[in-house]
């Protein structure tokens, strides 16, 4: 009986761990290469890009354009999801 409970507990632990690993692989990562891509993408749209970070699974870039400050949120494919005046 103990071995059956242990096996069930081990299975549940593995399932949780593996699903967490799968989720982590889908999340965005802020590498130097990605910072460069974000900067190039937004610069081509007329923005002057400052700080870039990750917030709530999205890239968040602080940028200026035409004297205004913006927070620009991009998904993992660098599609602009939301733009807010800062």
N, C-alpha and C. Protein backbone atom coordinates (compact mmCIF):
# COMPACT_ATOMS: atom_id res chain seq x y z
N UNK A 1 0.82 -1.20 0.00
CA UNK A 1 0.00 0.00 0.00
C UNK A 1 0.87 1.26 0.00
N UNK A 2 1.95 1.24 0.82
CA UNK A 2 2.84 2.40 0.86
C UNK A 2 3.47 2.65 -0.50
N UNK A 3 3.86 1.57 -1.18
CA UNK A 3 4.50 1.75 -2.47
C UNK A 3 3.52 2.32 -3.50
N UNK A 4 2.26 1.96 -3.40
CA UNK A 4 1.24 2.50 -4.31
C UNK A 4 1.05 4.00 -4.07
N UNK A 5 1.01 4.41 -2.82
CA UNK A 5 0.88 5.83 -2.49
C UNK A 5 2.12 6.59 -2.93
N UNK A 6 3.29 6.00 -2.69
CA UNK A 6 4.54 6.64 -3.11
C UNK A 6 4.60 6.81 -4.62
N UNK A 7 4.15 5.80 -5.35
CA UNK A 7 4.15 5.87 -6.81
C UNK A 7 3.20 6.97 -7.29
N UNK A 8 2.04 7.07 -6.67
CA UNK A 8 1.08 8.10 -7.05
C UNK A 8 1.63 9.49 -6.75
N UNK A 9 2.27 9.63 -5.61
CA UNK A 9 2.86 10.91 -5.23
C UNK A 9 3.99 11.29 -6.19
N UNK A 10 4.82 10.32 -6.54
CA UNK A 10 5.91 10.56 -7.49
C UNK A 10 5.35 10.98 -8.85
N UNK A 11 4.31 10.31 -9.30
CA UNK A 11 3.69 10.65 -10.59
C UNK A 11 3.15 12.07 -10.58
N UNK A 12 2.48 12.44 -9.50
CA UNK A 12 1.93 13.79 -9.41
C UNK A 12 3.04 14.83 -9.39
N UNK A 13 4.12 14.54 -8.68
CA UNK A 13 5.25 15.46 -8.61
C UNK A 13 5.89 15.63 -9.98
N UNK A 14 6.10 14.53 -10.68
CA UNK A 14 6.69 14.60 -12.01
C UNK A 14 5.80 15.37 -12.99
N UNK A 15 4.51 15.13 -12.93
CA UNK A 15 3.59 15.82 -13.83
C UNK A 15 3.62 17.32 -13.59
N UNK A 16 3.65 17.71 -12.33
CA UNK A 16 3.70 19.13 -11.99
C UNK A 16 5.02 19.74 -12.45
N UNK A 17 6.11 19.05 -12.21
CA UNK A 17 7.43 19.55 -12.59
C UNK A 17 7.55 19.68 -14.11
N UNK A 18 7.10 18.67 -14.83
CA UNK A 18 7.21 18.70 -16.29
C UNK A 18 6.31 19.76 -16.90
N UNK A 19 5.11 19.95 -16.35
CA UNK A 19 4.24 20.99 -16.90
C UNK A 19 4.82 22.37 -16.62
N UNK A 20 5.48 22.54 -15.49
CA UNK A 20 6.15 23.81 -15.18
C UNK A 20 7.30 24.05 -16.13
N UNK A 21 8.04 23.02 -16.47
CA UNK A 21 9.16 23.16 -17.41
C UNK A 21 8.65 23.52 -18.80
N UNK A 22 7.54 22.93 -19.19
CA UNK A 22 6.96 23.26 -20.50
C UNK A 22 6.51 24.71 -20.53
N UNK A 23 5.90 25.17 -19.45
CA UNK A 23 5.46 26.56 -19.37
C UNK A 23 6.66 27.49 -19.44
N UNK A 24 7.71 27.16 -18.73
CA UNK A 24 8.90 28.01 -18.70
C UNK A 24 9.53 28.13 -20.08
N UNK A 25 9.48 27.08 -20.87
CA UNK A 25 10.10 27.13 -22.20
C UNK A 25 9.30 28.03 -23.15
N UNK A 26 8.00 28.25 -22.85
CA UNK A 26 7.17 29.11 -23.69
C UNK A 26 7.28 30.58 -23.30
N UNK A 27 7.87 30.86 -22.15
CA UNK A 27 7.94 32.25 -21.70
C UNK A 27 9.05 32.99 -22.43
N UNK A 28 8.98 34.32 -22.36
CA UNK A 28 9.97 35.14 -23.04
C UNK A 28 11.23 35.26 -22.20
N UNK A 29 12.36 35.41 -22.86
CA UNK A 29 13.65 35.58 -22.19
C UNK A 29 14.30 36.84 -22.74
N UNK A 30 14.92 37.61 -21.86
CA UNK A 30 15.52 38.86 -22.28
C UNK A 30 17.03 38.69 -22.46
N UNK A 31 17.41 38.31 -23.67
CA UNK A 31 18.82 38.15 -24.01
C UNK A 31 19.30 39.42 -24.70
N UNK A 32 20.61 39.55 -24.83
CA UNK A 32 21.17 40.70 -25.56
C UNK A 32 20.66 40.72 -27.00
N UNK A 33 20.56 39.53 -27.60
CA UNK A 33 20.06 39.44 -28.98
C UNK A 33 18.62 39.95 -29.07
N UNK A 34 17.79 39.58 -28.09
CA UNK A 34 16.40 40.02 -28.11
C UNK A 34 16.30 41.53 -27.87
N UNK A 35 17.14 42.06 -26.98
CA UNK A 35 17.16 43.52 -26.76
C UNK A 35 17.48 44.25 -28.06
N UNK A 36 18.45 43.71 -28.80
CA UNK A 36 18.83 44.31 -30.09
C UNK A 36 17.67 44.26 -31.07
N UNK A 37 16.98 43.12 -31.15
CA UNK A 37 15.85 42.99 -32.07
C UNK A 37 14.72 43.95 -31.71
N UNK A 38 14.44 44.07 -30.42
CA UNK A 38 13.38 44.99 -29.97
C UNK A 38 13.76 46.42 -30.32
N UNK A 39 15.00 46.79 -30.03
CA UNK A 39 15.48 48.14 -30.33
C UNK A 39 15.39 48.43 -31.82
N UNK A 40 15.82 47.49 -32.66
CA UNK A 40 15.76 47.67 -34.11
C UNK A 40 14.31 47.81 -34.59
N UNK A 41 13.43 46.98 -34.05
CA UNK A 41 12.01 47.00 -34.45
C UNK A 41 11.37 48.34 -34.12
N UNK A 42 11.59 48.81 -32.89
CA UNK A 42 10.96 50.06 -32.47
C UNK A 42 11.63 51.29 -33.09
N UNK A 43 12.94 51.22 -33.30
CA UNK A 43 13.65 52.33 -33.96
C UNK A 43 13.12 52.51 -35.39
N UNK A 44 12.84 51.41 -36.06
CA UNK A 44 12.28 51.47 -37.42
C UNK A 44 10.90 52.13 -37.43
N UNK A 45 10.23 52.13 -36.27
CA UNK A 45 8.91 52.76 -36.15
C UNK A 45 9.01 54.19 -35.62
N UNK A 46 10.26 54.69 -35.48
CA UNK A 46 10.46 56.08 -35.09
C UNK A 46 10.67 56.32 -33.61
N UNK A 47 10.81 55.26 -32.83
CA UNK A 47 11.01 55.41 -31.39
C UNK A 47 12.50 55.48 -31.04
N UNK A 48 12.80 56.19 -29.96
CA UNK A 48 14.13 56.17 -29.34
C UNK A 48 13.98 55.27 -28.11
N UNK A 49 14.61 54.11 -28.13
CA UNK A 49 14.39 53.09 -27.11
C UNK A 49 15.36 53.24 -25.96
N UNK A 50 14.82 53.14 -24.75
CA UNK A 50 15.63 53.18 -23.53
C UNK A 50 15.68 51.80 -22.90
N UNK A 51 15.22 51.72 -21.68
CA UNK A 51 15.25 50.47 -20.91
C UNK A 51 14.27 49.44 -21.48
N UNK A 52 14.68 48.18 -21.44
CA UNK A 52 13.82 47.07 -21.86
C UNK A 52 13.82 46.05 -20.73
N UNK A 53 12.63 45.56 -20.38
CA UNK A 53 12.53 44.53 -19.35
C UNK A 53 11.36 43.60 -19.68
N UNK A 54 11.15 42.62 -18.81
CA UNK A 54 10.03 41.70 -18.98
C UNK A 54 9.02 41.97 -17.87
N UNK A 55 7.75 42.06 -18.25
CA UNK A 55 6.68 42.25 -17.28
C UNK A 55 5.47 41.43 -17.70
N UNK A 56 4.99 40.58 -16.81
CA UNK A 56 3.81 39.75 -17.06
C UNK A 56 3.92 38.94 -18.35
N UNK A 57 5.10 38.40 -18.63
CA UNK A 57 5.30 37.55 -19.80
C UNK A 57 5.44 38.29 -21.12
N UNK A 58 5.55 39.61 -21.05
CA UNK A 58 5.74 40.43 -22.26
C UNK A 58 7.01 41.24 -22.13
N UNK A 59 7.58 41.58 -23.28
CA UNK A 59 8.69 42.52 -23.27
C UNK A 59 8.10 43.91 -23.07
N UNK A 60 8.73 44.72 -22.22
CA UNK A 60 8.29 46.08 -22.00
C UNK A 60 9.45 47.02 -22.33
N UNK A 61 9.24 47.88 -23.29
CA UNK A 61 10.27 48.83 -23.70
C UNK A 61 9.82 50.24 -23.35
N UNK A 62 10.72 50.98 -22.73
CA UNK A 62 10.48 52.39 -22.46
C UNK A 62 11.07 53.15 -23.64
N UNK A 63 10.25 53.99 -24.27
CA UNK A 63 10.69 54.66 -25.49
C UNK A 63 10.13 56.07 -25.58
N UNK A 64 10.76 56.88 -26.43
CA UNK A 64 10.31 58.25 -26.69
C UNK A 64 10.05 58.40 -28.18
N UNK A 65 9.05 59.23 -28.49
CA UNK A 65 8.75 59.54 -29.89
C UNK A 65 8.01 60.88 -29.91
N UNK A 66 8.49 61.79 -30.72
CA UNK A 66 7.86 63.11 -30.86
C UNK A 66 7.70 63.82 -29.51
N UNK A 67 8.70 63.69 -28.65
CA UNK A 67 8.68 64.35 -27.35
C UNK A 67 7.82 63.67 -26.29
N UNK A 68 7.18 62.58 -26.62
CA UNK A 68 6.32 61.84 -25.68
C UNK A 68 7.03 60.58 -25.21
N UNK A 69 6.75 60.16 -23.98
CA UNK A 69 7.31 58.93 -23.43
C UNK A 69 6.25 57.83 -23.49
N UNK A 70 6.70 56.63 -23.83
CA UNK A 70 5.79 55.50 -23.97
C UNK A 70 6.35 54.26 -23.28
N UNK A 71 5.42 53.40 -22.87
CA UNK A 71 5.75 52.03 -22.48
C UNK A 71 5.12 51.16 -23.56
N UNK A 72 5.96 50.39 -24.23
CA UNK A 72 5.49 49.56 -25.34
C UNK A 72 5.66 48.10 -24.96
N UNK A 73 4.57 47.34 -25.03
CA UNK A 73 4.59 45.93 -24.67
C UNK A 73 4.56 45.09 -25.93
N UNK A 74 5.49 44.13 -26.01
CA UNK A 74 5.59 43.25 -27.18
C UNK A 74 5.52 41.80 -26.74
N UNK A 75 4.94 40.95 -27.60
CA UNK A 75 4.91 39.52 -27.31
C UNK A 75 6.21 38.87 -27.78
N UNK A 76 6.30 37.56 -27.65
CA UNK A 76 7.51 36.83 -28.00
C UNK A 76 7.88 36.90 -29.47
N UNK A 77 6.90 37.23 -30.33
CA UNK A 77 7.16 37.38 -31.77
C UNK A 77 7.40 38.84 -32.15
N UNK A 78 7.54 39.70 -31.14
CA UNK A 78 7.79 41.13 -31.29
C UNK A 78 6.63 41.89 -31.92
N UNK A 79 5.41 41.37 -31.72
CA UNK A 79 4.21 42.11 -32.12
C UNK A 79 3.86 43.06 -30.98
N UNK A 80 3.57 44.31 -31.30
CA UNK A 80 3.16 45.26 -30.27
C UNK A 80 1.77 44.88 -29.79
N UNK A 81 1.67 44.60 -28.49
CA UNK A 81 0.42 44.18 -27.88
C UNK A 81 -0.32 45.37 -27.29
N UNK A 82 0.45 46.31 -26.72
CA UNK A 82 -0.15 47.46 -26.05
C UNK A 82 0.87 48.58 -26.00
N UNK A 83 0.39 49.81 -26.12
CA UNK A 83 1.24 50.99 -25.98
C UNK A 83 0.56 51.94 -25.01
N UNK A 84 1.32 52.39 -24.01
CA UNK A 84 0.78 53.32 -23.01
C UNK A 84 1.65 54.56 -22.95
N UNK A 85 1.02 55.73 -22.81
CA UNK A 85 1.79 56.94 -22.56
C UNK A 85 2.32 56.86 -21.15
N UNK A 86 3.57 57.27 -20.97
CA UNK A 86 4.20 57.21 -19.65
C UNK A 86 4.19 58.58 -19.02
